[in-house]
Amino acid sequence: MSWEAFETLLANLYERDDRLDFRQPGESYPRSEKVDAYVMSGHAEALLSGDIDGDIWDTLADIDEEASDEAEAWAKIKAYYLARDNVLLHLGEGEEWIFGESLARRLGLVEG
């Protein structure tokens, strides 16, 4: 997915009560419900980003793994989550986000 498509997706979402939903035409939404990359990062299982701190080392510790560098850490994180039916979203060079399958399906990030 391109960054432009991702930003369009974010612009079409709102967050209420820690749940993401699509905005409906003609409805108004408070500014506090706006979804940007930072808000979306709270719904990701893990992420590697140049703009958003995905805290790779804490995520690695959460899955009881160790690594010698960030590349190895991210590879182990990806392997862990993808083996558990999560979805990897590439947003460009060095930009990857992992989402739970049900959220990814609901947001249209995967078919089905």
Protein backbone atom coordinates (compact mmCIF):
# COMPACT_ATOMS: atom_id res chain seq x y z
CA MET A 1 0.00 0.00 0.00
CA SER A 2 1.32 3.45 -0.78
CA TRP A 3 1.59 6.18 1.85
CA GLU A 4 -1.01 8.15 -0.07
CA ALA A 5 -3.49 5.27 0.08
CA PHE A 6 -2.72 4.77 3.77
CA GLU A 7 -3.33 8.46 4.48
CA THR A 8 -6.61 8.27 2.57
CA LEU A 9 -7.62 5.28 4.68
CA LEU A 10 -6.76 7.19 7.88
CA ALA A 11 -8.78 10.20 6.73
CA ASN A 12 -11.82 7.96 6.24
CA LEU A 13 -11.66 6.51 9.76
CA TYR A 14 -12.61 7.72 13.20
CA GLU A 15 -11.73 6.30 16.61
CA ARG A 16 -14.31 6.11 19.36
CA ASP A 17 -13.99 4.11 22.56
CA ASP A 18 -10.74 2.56 21.28
CA ARG A 19 -12.45 1.22 18.16
CA LEU A 20 -11.78 2.24 14.57
CA ASP A 21 -14.74 2.70 12.23
CA PHE A 22 -15.36 4.26 8.84
CA ARG A 23 -16.76 7.77 8.66
CA GLN A 24 -20.23 8.00 7.12
CA PRO A 25 -21.08 10.65 4.52
CA GLY A 26 -23.00 13.56 5.97
CA GLU A 27 -22.02 12.78 9.56
CA SER A 28 -19.83 15.06 11.64
CA TYR A 29 -17.15 13.83 13.99
CA PRO A 30 -15.33 15.57 16.84
CA ARG A 31 -11.67 16.42 16.24
CA SER A 32 -10.79 14.06 19.08
CA GLU A 33 -11.94 11.14 16.91
CA LYS A 34 -9.53 11.92 14.06
CA VAL A 35 -7.26 9.05 13.04
CA ASP A 36 -3.69 9.79 12.02
CA ALA A 37 -0.66 7.50 11.85
CA TYR A 38 -0.02 7.92 15.57
CA VAL A 39 -3.59 6.89 16.48
CA MET A 40 -3.43 3.98 14.02
CA SER A 41 -0.16 2.83 15.60
CA GLY A 42 -2.11 2.12 18.78
CA HIS A 43 -4.14 -0.46 16.86
CA ALA A 44 -1.15 -2.17 15.23
CA GLU A 45 0.36 -5.28 16.77
CA ALA A 46 3.84 -4.02 15.86
CA LEU A 47 5.44 -1.61 13.46
CA LEU A 48 8.71 -0.51 11.94
CA SER A 49 8.53 3.16 11.02
CA GLY A 50 10.75 6.14 10.49
CA ASP A 51 8.09 8.49 11.86
CA ILE A 52 6.34 6.53 14.61
CA ASP A 53 8.23 4.84 17.42
CA GLY A 54 7.13 1.21 17.33
CA ASP A 55 9.35 0.38 20.31
CA ILE A 56 10.85 -2.70 18.69
CA TRP A 57 12.84 -3.70 21.76
CA ASP A 58 9.80 -3.73 24.07
CA THR A 59 7.83 -5.67 21.47
CA LEU A 60 10.67 -8.17 21.21
CA ALA A 61 10.73 -8.57 24.99
CA ASP A 62 6.94 -9.05 25.00
CA ILE A 63 7.34 -12.10 22.77
CA ASP A 64 10.24 -13.43 24.89
CA GLU A 65 12.87 -13.07 22.18
CA GLU A 66 16.30 -11.46 22.01
CA ALA A 67 18.27 -10.04 19.10
CA SER A 68 21.66 -8.49 18.47
CA ASP A 69 20.39 -5.62 16.32
CA GLU A 70 17.21 -3.92 15.12
CA ALA A 71 17.06 -5.85 11.83
CA GLU A 72 17.20 -9.20 13.62
CA ALA A 73 14.67 -7.96 16.18
CA TRP A 74 12.21 -6.92 13.49
CA ALA A 75 12.66 -10.22 11.64
CA LYS A 76 11.80 -12.13 14.83
CA ILE A 77 8.81 -9.89 15.54
CA LYS A 78 7.49 -10.40 11.99
CA ALA A 79 7.97 -14.15 12.18
CA TYR A 80 6.14 -14.29 15.52
CA TYR A 81 3.10 -12.29 14.42
CA LEU A 82 2.82 -13.65 10.90
CA ALA A 83 2.84 -17.21 12.26
CA ARG A 84 -0.25 -16.17 14.24
CA ASP A 85 -2.31 -15.05 11.23
CA ASN A 86 -1.53 -11.34 11.50
CA VAL A 87 -1.17 -9.20 8.40
CA LEU A 88 1.96 -7.34 7.27
CA LEU A 89 1.37 -4.02 5.55
CA HIS A 90 4.27 -2.52 3.55
CA LEU A 91 4.05 1.26 3.31
CA GLY A 92 7.34 1.93 1.59
CA GLU A 93 11.03 1.39 2.12
CA GLY A 94 11.66 0.48 5.76
CA GLU A 95 8.02 1.04 6.72
CA GLU A 96 6.06 -2.02 7.81
CA TRP A 97 3.05 -2.36 10.09
CA ILE A 98 1.54 -5.56 11.47
CA PHE A 99 -2.21 -5.74 12.18
CA GLY A 100 -4.43 -8.43 13.61
CA GLU A 101 -6.26 -10.28 10.85
CA SER A 102 -9.77 -9.27 11.94
CA LEU A 103 -8.88 -5.56 12.06
CA ALA A 104 -7.06 -5.80 8.71
CA ARG A 105 -10.11 -7.41 7.12
CA ARG A 106 -12.53 -4.88 8.63
CA LEU A 107 -10.41 -2.00 7.33
CA GLY A 108 -10.13 -3.54 3.87
CA LEU A 109 -6.39 -4.12 4.10
CA VAL A 110 -6.89 -7.72 2.98
CA GLU A 111 -9.61 -9.33 0.91
CA GLY A 112 -12.30 -11.49 2.40
